[in-house]
Amino acid sequence: MFSPSLCGPPVGVSECSSLSVFLVPFRAVLVEKVRILTLVGICLISFTTPCYGGNILVFPVDGSHWINMKVLVEELHARGHNITVIRGSTSWYIAEKSPLYTSITVELVLTFLKLNNAFMSMINNVHILWCEVLEKIFDDDNLFKILIDSRYDLVLTDPALAAGVVLAKYLKLPLVLNVRWIPSGEGHFAVAPSPLSYIPVPGSGLTDKMDFMQRIKNLFFHSIIVLHQKFVLGPHYDALCDKYIEGGCDVFSLLQEADIWLFRSDFVFDFPRPTMPNIVYIGGFQCKPAQPLSAGVSLRHIMVNFLLTINSDSHY
């Protein structure tokens, strides 16, 4: 029997020793590289500017339109976007101070007498007032410098008043529209092919199946809207475009240049019609899951409050 001291270590032990000799320097190099990469990562994190959301300029319409716009503002704020809202000094619904946005308040002389006329005259006066406000914004060097220095990424506006549309063109910013109504009626007629032979004008009471006389009636309703836009509302904005927009423009062309249109409707509720790829249908976006009624509140109470609200709003 051979003595272990004479034979030397077993083969397995010799191989493990050789492997350990090889791994020790490799492990040291690996640990050193991990330390270096960790140090580089900390430096990159320290000197890299933080990532922020978009910088959005909102030009809303007061009243019930703001209730829907506010839903979008709340969601944009929740996703980390920085929001600035342009509001009138006599705004009914749009608060000057809000945790959701910062506001730019412009002087708006809106008296009861100016709203105490016929409906069409009242609408015309509102457009005139906001055209005057927009002209003051363009002529106010300090305010305009604030708008430029803020480096907004886009303008989100309600096209029911085209002042925000003109402002986006003047600032050369992407334009996102909300709701479906424009100064002259329904938005589809401005941006999508709308054959009057089977697409009824809102308010006409017609369907997509019309005989000859009904098509004449539909054409008549559409002509009233077009004439009202061209000779009543259009000239106010055309004067702004001619004065401040290089090359001139008109409201219809600006609406057609919109990058995205958040259309507050759903095509399943309308008669079949052509649409455009930049129209996103968001009908019902402001709806929330139903909650149980508070104790002591019945459907009768809700209906009474609703009718009282309608009655009070009818005086303004």
Protein backbone atom coordinates (compact mmCIF):
# COMPACT_ATOMS: atom_id res chain seq x y z
CA MET A 1 0.00 0.00 0.00
CA PHE A 2 1.37 3.37 -1.06
CA SER A 3 1.71 6.18 1.44
CA PRO A 4 -0.34 9.34 0.69
CA SER A 5 2.72 11.46 1.39
CA LEU A 6 4.59 9.68 -1.37
CA CYS A 7 1.79 9.73 -3.91
CA GLY A 8 0.85 13.41 -3.58
CA PRO A 9 -2.73 14.82 -3.48
CA PRO A 10 -5.56 13.18 -5.35
CA VAL A 11 -6.25 14.30 -8.89
CA GLY A 12 -9.55 16.10 -7.98
CA VAL A 13 -7.91 18.18 -5.28
CA SER A 14 -5.17 19.27 -7.67
CA GLU A 15 -7.69 20.40 -10.29
CA CYS A 16 -9.72 22.41 -7.70
CA SER A 17 -6.58 24.16 -6.54
CA SER A 18 -5.70 25.14 -10.10
CA LEU A 19 -9.26 26.40 -10.71
CA SER A 20 -9.17 28.48 -7.50
CA VAL A 21 -5.89 30.04 -8.56
CA PHE A 22 -7.55 31.03 -11.85
CA LEU A 23 -10.82 32.34 -10.31
CA VAL A 24 -9.33 34.57 -7.60
CA PRO A 25 -7.94 37.24 -9.95
CA PHE A 26 -11.03 36.97 -12.22
CA ARG A 27 -13.31 37.60 -9.24
CA ALA A 28 -11.26 40.62 -8.21
CA VAL A 29 -11.46 42.09 -11.72
CA LEU A 30 -15.24 41.48 -11.84
CA VAL A 31 -15.79 43.19 -8.47
CA GLU A 32 -13.72 46.16 -9.61
CA LYS A 33 -15.73 46.49 -12.83
CA VAL A 34 -19.03 46.37 -10.90
CA ARG A 35 -17.78 49.16 -8.64
CA ILE A 36 -16.79 51.28 -11.63
CA LEU A 37 -20.15 50.73 -13.38
CA THR A 38 -22.02 51.57 -10.18
CA LEU A 39 -20.03 54.78 -9.80
CA VAL A 40 -20.69 55.73 -13.44
CA GLY A 41 -24.42 55.02 -13.01
CA ILE A 42 -24.62 57.23 -9.91
CA CYS A 43 -22.86 60.03 -11.80
CA LEU A 44 -25.24 59.73 -14.76
CA ILE A 45 -28.28 59.79 -12.50
CA SER A 46 -26.91 62.82 -10.64
CA PHE A 47 -26.14 64.92 -13.72
CA THR A 48 -29.03 63.87 -15.98
CA THR A 49 -31.95 66.31 -16.09
CA PRO A 50 -35.21 64.86 -14.73
CA CYS A 51 -37.93 63.78 -17.16
CA TYR A 52 -41.11 65.88 -17.17
CA GLY A 53 -44.48 65.60 -18.90
CA GLY A 54 -45.65 67.85 -21.68
CA ASN A 55 -46.23 71.58 -21.40
CA ILE A 56 -49.80 72.21 -22.54
CA LEU A 57 -51.61 75.49 -23.16
CA VAL A 58 -55.38 75.16 -22.73
CA PHE A 59 -57.77 77.70 -24.27
CA PRO A 60 -61.22 76.60 -23.03
CA VAL A 61 -64.76 77.89 -23.39
CA ASP A 62 -66.51 78.87 -20.16
CA GLY A 63 -69.77 77.41 -18.92
CA SER A 64 -70.80 73.82 -19.51
CA HIS A 65 -67.99 73.35 -22.04
CA TRP A 66 -65.45 73.78 -19.23
CA ILE A 67 -67.05 70.94 -17.25
CA ASN A 68 -66.02 68.55 -20.01
CA MET A 69 -62.65 70.18 -20.64
CA LYS A 70 -61.85 69.91 -16.92
CA VAL A 71 -62.09 66.11 -17.15
CA LEU A 72 -59.25 66.16 -19.69
CA VAL A 73 -57.28 68.63 -17.58
CA GLU A 74 -57.61 66.39 -14.52
CA GLU A 75 -56.38 63.36 -16.46
CA LEU A 76 -53.47 65.26 -18.02
CA HIS A 77 -52.46 66.56 -14.59
CA ALA A 78 -52.65 63.05 -13.12
CA ARG A 79 -50.19 61.88 -15.79
CA GLY A 80 -47.63 64.53 -14.90
CA HIS A 81 -48.25 67.15 -17.58
CA ASN A 82 -47.80 70.85 -16.88
CA ILE A 83 -50.97 72.77 -17.79
CA THR A 84 -51.64 76.47 -18.28
CA VAL A 85 -55.22 77.69 -18.77
CA ILE A 86 -56.17 81.01 -20.36
CA ARG A 87 -59.32 82.34 -18.70
CA GLY A 88 -61.39 85.51 -18.73
CA SER A 89 -61.46 87.79 -15.69
CA THR A 90 -65.24 87.33 -15.44
CA SER A 91 -65.17 83.54 -15.79
CA TRP A 92 -68.10 81.71 -14.19
CA TYR A 93 -66.62 78.23 -13.88
CA ILE A 94 -62.85 78.41 -14.51
CA ALA A 95 -61.14 79.15 -11.20
CA GLU A 96 -58.12 81.42 -11.19
CA LYS A 97 -56.27 79.23 -8.67
CA SER A 98 -56.32 75.47 -8.96
CA PRO A 99 -54.00 72.58 -8.03
CA LEU A 100 -54.52 71.24 -11.55
CA TYR A 101 -53.12 74.15 -13.53
CA THR A 102 -51.66 77.64 -13.54
CA SER A 103 -53.84 80.30 -15.09
CA ILE A 104 -53.36 83.33 -17.29
CA THR A 105 -56.22 85.76 -16.67
CA VAL A 106 -57.09 88.22 -19.42
CA GLU A 107 -59.38 91.18 -18.95
CA LEU A 108 -62.84 90.41 -20.30
CA VAL A 109 -65.59 93.01 -20.08
CA LEU A 110 -68.71 90.87 -20.09
CA THR A 111 -71.82 92.59 -18.77
CA PHE A 112 -75.36 91.36 -18.36
CA LEU A 113 -76.56 93.87 -20.94
CA LYS A 114 -74.40 92.29 -23.60
CA LEU A 115 -75.98 88.92 -22.94
CA ASN A 116 -79.55 90.10 -22.64
CA ASN A 117 -80.35 90.11 -26.37
CA ALA A 118 -81.56 87.48 -28.80
CA PHE A 119 -79.61 84.22 -28.79
CA MET A 120 -77.89 84.71 -32.14
CA SER A 121 -76.92 88.25 -31.23
CA MET A 122 -75.53 87.02 -27.91
CA ILE A 123 -73.41 84.38 -29.65
CA ASN A 124 -72.09 87.00 -32.05
CA ASN A 125 -71.17 89.29 -29.14
CA VAL A 126 -69.24 86.50 -27.42
CA HIS A 127 -67.17 85.89 -30.56
CA ILE A 128 -66.48 89.63 -30.88
CA LEU A 129 -65.38 89.83 -27.23
CA TRP A 130 -62.91 86.96 -27.55
CA CYS A 131 -61.52 88.34 -30.81
CA GLU A 132 -60.84 91.58 -28.93
CA VAL A 133 -59.17 89.62 -26.13
CA LEU A 134 -57.01 87.75 -28.62
CA GLU A 135 -55.96 91.01 -30.22
CA LYS A 136 -54.91 92.32 -26.79
CA ILE A 137 -52.83 89.17 -26.25
CA PHE A 138 -51.05 89.64 -29.56
CA ASP A 139 -50.37 93.31 -28.84
CA ASP A 140 -49.22 92.75 -25.23
CA ASP A 141 -45.47 92.22 -25.57
CA ASN A 142 -45.03 91.05 -21.97
CA LEU A 143 -47.81 88.47 -22.12
CA PHE A 144 -46.75 87.26 -25.53
CA LYS A 145 -43.16 86.88 -24.28
CA ILE A 146 -44.48 84.71 -21.43
CA LEU A 147 -46.29 82.49 -23.93
CA ILE A 148 -43.16 82.15 -26.07
CA ASP A 149 -40.76 81.55 -23.17
CA SER A 150 -43.04 78.87 -21.70
CA ARG A 151 -42.23 76.66 -24.71
CA TYR A 152 -45.59 74.93 -24.90
CA ASP A 153 -45.77 71.59 -26.70
CA LEU A 154 -49.33 72.02 -27.97
CA VAL A 155 -52.57 73.96 -27.63
CA LEU A 156 -55.69 72.17 -26.39
CA THR A 157 -58.76 74.24 -27.20
CA ASP A 158 -62.51 74.14 -27.60
CA PRO A 159 -63.36 75.02 -31.24
CA ALA A 160 -66.80 76.38 -30.31
CA LEU A 161 -64.87 79.66 -30.02
CA ALA A 162 -62.15 79.84 -32.65
CA ALA A 163 -59.90 82.18 -30.66
CA GLY A 164 -57.82 79.26 -29.39
CA VAL A 165 -57.47 77.92 -32.93
CA VAL A 166 -56.10 81.28 -34.14
CA LEU A 167 -53.76 81.48 -31.13
CA ALA A 168 -52.30 78.04 -31.91
CA LYS A 169 -51.65 79.14 -35.49
CA TYR A 170 -49.98 82.35 -34.33
CA LEU A 171 -47.74 80.47 -31.85
CA LYS A 172 -47.04 77.80 -34.51
CA LEU A 173 -47.96 74.99 -32.12
CA PRO A 174 -49.70 71.64 -32.73
CA LEU A 175 -53.46 71.91 -32.29
CA VAL A 176 -55.72 69.49 -30.41
CA LEU A 177 -59.47 70.16 -30.52
CA ASN A 178 -62.05 69.06 -27.97
CA VAL A 179 -65.85 68.57 -28.39
CA ARG A 180 -67.65 68.33 -31.72
CA TRP A 181 -69.09 71.83 -32.20
CA ILE A 182 -67.46 74.67 -34.12
CA PRO A 183 -68.62 78.28 -34.54
CA SER A 184 -70.79 77.32 -37.49
CA GLY A 185 -72.28 74.06 -36.25
CA GLU A 186 -71.12 70.44 -36.33
CA GLY A 187 -67.43 69.68 -36.81
CA HIS A 188 -67.72 66.85 -39.35
CA PHE A 189 -68.95 69.29 -41.98
CA ALA A 190 -65.69 71.24 -41.69
CA VAL A 191 -63.17 68.40 -41.88
CA ALA A 192 -64.80 65.37 -43.52
CA PRO A 193 -66.68 64.83 -46.79
CA SER A 194 -70.36 65.41 -45.97
CA PRO A 195 -72.73 64.68 -48.87
CA LEU A 196 -75.98 66.45 -48.03
CA SER A 197 -77.99 63.86 -49.93
CA TYR A 198 -77.70 61.40 -47.04
CA ILE A 199 -76.04 63.25 -44.13
CA PRO A 200 -78.66 65.29 -42.23
CA VAL A 201 -77.72 68.65 -40.76
CA PRO A 202 -78.19 68.74 -36.95
CA GLY A 203 -81.48 70.44 -36.12
CA SER A 204 -83.14 69.54 -39.42
CA GLY A 205 -84.95 66.54 -37.94
CA LEU A 206 -84.03 64.43 -40.97
CA THR A 207 -82.48 60.98 -41.28
CA ASP A 208 -79.99 59.48 -43.72
CA LYS A 209 -82.89 58.41 -45.97
CA MET A 210 -84.34 61.51 -47.63
CA ASP A 211 -86.59 62.09 -50.60
CA PHE A 212 -86.04 65.02 -52.98
CA MET A 213 -87.91 67.63 -50.94
CA GLN A 214 -86.17 66.54 -47.73
CA ARG A 215 -82.82 66.93 -49.45
CA ILE A 216 -83.83 70.47 -50.44
CA LYS A 217 -84.72 71.14 -46.82
CA ASN A 218 -81.37 69.72 -45.70
CA LEU A 219 -79.56 71.95 -48.20
CA PHE A 220 -81.51 74.95 -46.91
CA PHE A 221 -80.48 74.28 -43.29
CA HIS A 222 -76.86 73.82 -44.33
CA SER A 223 -76.93 77.04 -46.36
CA ILE A 224 -78.09 79.02 -43.31
CA ILE A 225 -75.12 77.68 -41.31
CA VAL A 226 -72.63 78.44 -44.09
CA LEU A 227 -73.96 81.96 -44.62
CA HIS A 228 -73.92 82.65 -40.88
CA GLN A 229 -70.30 81.53 -40.71
CA LYS A 230 -69.23 83.48 -43.79
CA PHE A 231 -70.97 86.80 -43.19
CA VAL A 232 -71.59 86.97 -39.42
CA LEU A 233 -68.90 85.07 -37.51
CA GLY A 234 -66.18 84.62 -40.09
CA PRO A 235 -65.28 88.30 -40.65
CA HIS A 236 -64.23 88.76 -37.01
CA TYR A 237 -61.67 85.97 -37.24
CA ASP A 238 -60.68 86.79 -40.82
CA ALA A 239 -59.68 90.28 -39.69
CA LEU A 240 -57.45 88.75 -36.99
CA CYS A 241 -55.87 86.35 -39.45
CA ASP A 242 -55.22 89.09 -42.01
CA LYS A 243 -53.60 91.28 -39.36
CA TYR A 244 -51.50 88.78 -37.41
CA ILE A 245 -51.13 85.57 -39.44
CA GLU A 246 -48.62 85.67 -42.26
CA GLY A 247 -50.36 84.88 -45.54
CA GLY A 248 -53.81 85.15 -43.96
CA CYS A 249 -56.17 82.32 -43.15
CA ASP A 250 -59.77 81.52 -42.29
CA VAL A 251 -61.36 79.51 -39.51
CA PHE A 252 -62.28 76.58 -41.74
CA SER A 253 -58.72 76.13 -42.98
CA LEU A 254 -57.39 76.28 -39.41
CA LEU A 255 -59.86 73.64 -38.24
CA GLN A 256 -58.81 71.42 -41.12
CA GLU A 257 -55.17 71.76 -40.04
CA ALA A 258 -55.86 70.39 -36.54
CA ASP A 259 -53.51 67.57 -35.60
CA ILE A 260 -55.98 65.66 -33.41
CA TRP A 261 -59.70 66.17 -32.85
CA LEU A 262 -61.06 64.67 -29.64
CA PHE A 263 -64.63 64.32 -30.88
CA ARG A 264 -67.08 64.16 -27.98
CA SER A 265 -69.47 61.84 -29.73
CA ASP A 266 -69.67 58.26 -30.91
CA PHE A 267 -70.20 57.20 -34.49
CA VAL A 268 -72.67 54.52 -33.40
CA PHE A 269 -75.06 57.29 -32.31
CA ASP A 270 -74.95 59.06 -35.69
CA PHE A 271 -76.06 58.06 -39.14
CA PRO A 272 -73.33 56.49 -41.31
CA ARG A 273 -71.00 59.13 -42.69
CA PRO A 274 -67.36 59.63 -43.73
CA THR A 275 -64.84 60.52 -41.06
CA MET A 276 -61.14 61.42 -40.88
CA PRO A 277 -58.15 59.54 -39.39
CA ASN A 278 -57.25 62.35 -36.99
CA ILE A 279 -60.70 62.25 -35.34
CA VAL A 280 -60.75 60.29 -32.08
CA TYR A 281 -64.25 59.57 -30.78
CA ILE A 282 -64.41 60.02 -27.00
CA GLY A 283 -68.15 60.00 -26.43
CA GLY A 284 -68.95 59.30 -22.78
CA PHE A 285 -65.42 60.01 -21.56
CA GLN A 286 -66.77 62.22 -18.76
CA CYS A 287 -69.03 59.47 -17.40
CA LYS A 288 -68.05 57.81 -14.14
CA PRO A 289 -69.13 54.52 -12.54
CA ALA A 290 -72.46 54.83 -10.75
CA GLN A 291 -72.31 55.28 -6.99
CA PRO A 292 -75.06 54.49 -4.49
CA LEU A 293 -77.20 57.47 -3.45
CA SER A 294 -76.45 59.12 -0.14
CA ALA A 295 -78.75 58.35 2.75
CA GLY A 296 -81.97 60.34 2.54
CA VAL A 297 -81.52 61.25 -1.15
CA SER A 298 -84.07 59.90 -3.62
CA LEU A 299 -84.52 60.13 -7.37
CA ARG A 300 -87.25 62.71 -6.75
CA HIS A 301 -84.76 65.00 -4.98
CA ILE A 302 -82.35 64.70 -7.91
CA MET A 303 -85.01 65.55 -10.48
CA VAL A 304 -86.19 68.58 -8.47
CA ASN A 305 -82.61 69.91 -8.17
CA PHE A 306 -81.99 69.27 -11.86
CA LEU A 307 -85.12 71.19 -12.89
CA LEU A 308 -84.25 74.06 -10.55
CA THR A 309 -80.76 74.24 -12.05
CA ILE A 310 -82.14 74.39 -15.58
CA ASN A 311 -84.61 77.10 -14.55
CA SER A 312 -81.84 79.22 -12.95
CA ASP A 313 -79.51 78.79 -15.93
CA SER A 314 -82.24 79.95 -18.29
CA HIS A 315 -82.01 83.47 -16.81
CA TYR A 316 -78.41 83.96 -17.99
